[in-house]
Amino acid sequence: MKDKTFVDTNVFIYAYSKTEPEKKNIALEILKNKNGKIGVNP
């Protein structure tokens, strides 16, 4: 059984950042994880 990974919403914000290039690169590496899934609660 695989463990679930939770990602803070700030990771998504930094993925589009134009003023924080270092944090953007880190966020993009986190989001490139092929095993991840995004869940949304209504």
N, C-alpha and C. Protein backbone atom coordinates (compact mmCIF):
# COMPACT_ATOMS: atom_id res chain seq x y z
N MET A 1 0.85 -1.19 0.00
CA MET A 1 0.00 0.00 0.00
C MET A 1 0.89 1.24 0.00
N LYS A 2 0.59 2.17 -0.87
CA LYS A 2 1.37 3.40 -0.95
C LYS A 2 0.83 4.44 0.02
N ASP A 3 1.75 5.19 0.59
CA ASP A 3 1.35 6.27 1.48
C ASP A 3 0.86 7.46 0.67
N LYS A 4 -0.08 8.20 1.24
CA LYS A 4 -0.58 9.42 0.60
C LYS A 4 0.35 10.57 0.94
N THR A 5 0.49 11.49 0.02
CA THR A 5 1.31 12.67 0.25
C THR A 5 0.42 13.89 0.16
N PHE A 6 0.54 14.76 1.14
CA PHE A 6 -0.23 15.99 1.14
C PHE A 6 0.70 17.14 0.79
N VAL A 7 0.24 18.02 -0.07
CA VAL A 7 1.03 19.16 -0.52
C VAL A 7 0.32 20.44 -0.10
N ASP A 8 1.05 21.30 0.56
CA ASP A 8 0.51 22.59 0.98
C ASP A 8 0.17 23.44 -0.24
N THR A 9 -0.87 24.25 -0.13
CA THR A 9 -1.27 25.09 -1.27
C THR A 9 -0.19 26.08 -1.68
N ASN A 10 0.72 26.43 -0.76
CA ASN A 10 1.80 27.35 -1.13
C ASN A 10 2.68 26.77 -2.23
N VAL A 11 2.78 25.46 -2.31
CA VAL A 11 3.57 24.85 -3.38
C VAL A 11 2.98 25.21 -4.74
N PHE A 12 1.67 25.21 -4.84
CA PHE A 12 1.03 25.58 -6.10
C PHE A 12 1.25 27.06 -6.42
N ILE A 13 1.19 27.90 -5.40
CA ILE A 13 1.42 29.33 -5.60
C ILE A 13 2.84 29.57 -6.09
N TYR A 14 3.81 28.96 -5.43
CA TYR A 14 5.21 29.16 -5.83
C TYR A 14 5.51 28.58 -7.20
N ALA A 15 4.77 27.58 -7.63
CA ALA A 15 4.99 27.00 -8.95
C ALA A 15 4.76 28.03 -10.06
N TYR A 16 3.99 29.05 -9.78
CA TYR A 16 3.70 30.11 -10.77
C TYR A 16 4.39 31.42 -10.43
N SER A 17 5.26 31.41 -9.44
CA SER A 17 5.90 32.64 -8.98
C SER A 17 6.86 33.22 -10.02
N LYS A 18 6.80 34.53 -10.16
CA LYS A 18 7.74 35.23 -11.04
C LYS A 18 8.80 35.96 -10.22
N THR A 19 8.60 36.02 -8.90
CA THR A 19 9.51 36.78 -8.04
C THR A 19 10.35 35.89 -7.13
N GLU A 20 10.06 34.60 -7.08
CA GLU A 20 10.79 33.67 -6.21
C GLU A 20 11.29 32.47 -7.05
N PRO A 21 12.30 32.69 -7.89
CA PRO A 21 12.73 31.61 -8.80
C PRO A 21 13.23 30.35 -8.09
N GLU A 22 13.91 30.50 -6.95
CA GLU A 22 14.41 29.32 -6.24
C GLU A 22 13.25 28.49 -5.69
N LYS A 23 12.27 29.17 -5.09
CA LYS A 23 11.10 28.46 -4.56
C LYS A 23 10.27 27.87 -5.70
N LYS A 24 10.24 28.55 -6.83
CA LYS A 24 9.51 28.04 -7.99
C LYS A 24 10.11 26.72 -8.45
N ASN A 25 11.43 26.65 -8.53
CA ASN A 25 12.09 25.42 -8.96
C ASN A 25 11.82 24.27 -8.00
N ILE A 26 11.85 24.56 -6.71
CA ILE A 26 11.56 23.53 -5.71
C ILE A 26 10.11 23.05 -5.84
N ALA A 27 9.19 23.99 -5.99
CA ALA A 27 7.77 23.64 -6.12
C ALA A 27 7.53 22.79 -7.36
N LEU A 28 8.17 23.14 -8.46
CA LEU A 28 7.98 22.37 -9.68
C LEU A 28 8.53 20.95 -9.54
N GLU A 29 9.63 20.79 -8.83
CA GLU A 29 10.17 19.46 -8.59
C GLU A 29 9.20 18.63 -7.75
N ILE A 30 8.61 19.24 -6.76
CA ILE A 30 7.63 18.53 -5.93
C ILE A 30 6.43 18.10 -6.77
N LEU A 31 5.96 18.99 -7.64
CA LEU A 31 4.77 18.69 -8.43
C LEU A 31 5.04 17.71 -9.58
N LYS A 32 6.29 17.51 -9.93
CA LYS A 32 6.64 16.56 -10.99
C LYS A 32 6.57 15.11 -10.53
N ASN A 33 6.36 14.89 -9.25
CA ASN A 33 6.26 13.54 -8.71
C ASN A 33 5.12 12.81 -9.42
N LYS A 34 5.46 11.78 -10.13
CA LYS A 34 4.47 11.06 -10.96
C LYS A 34 3.47 10.24 -10.15
N ASN A 35 3.75 10.01 -8.89
CA ASN A 35 2.86 9.20 -8.06
C ASN A 35 1.80 10.02 -7.34
N GLY A 36 1.85 11.34 -7.49
CA GLY A 36 0.93 12.19 -6.76
C GLY A 36 -0.44 12.28 -7.39
N LYS A 37 -1.40 12.61 -6.57
CA LYS A 37 -2.77 12.86 -7.01
C LYS A 37 -3.25 14.11 -6.32
N ILE A 38 -4.14 14.83 -6.96
CA ILE A 38 -4.69 16.03 -6.37
C ILE A 38 -6.12 15.78 -5.98
N GLY A 39 -6.43 16.05 -4.74
CA GLY A 39 -7.80 15.88 -4.25
C GLY A 39 -8.38 17.23 -3.88
N VAL A 40 -9.66 17.40 -4.17
CA VAL A 40 -10.34 18.65 -3.86
C VAL A 40 -11.60 18.33 -3.06
N ASN A 41 -11.74 19.02 -1.93
CA ASN A 41 -12.95 18.85 -1.14
C ASN A 41 -13.90 19.99 -1.45
N PRO A 42 -15.17 19.66 -1.75
CA PRO A 42 -16.13 20.73 -2.07
C PRO A 42 -16.47 21.58 -0.86
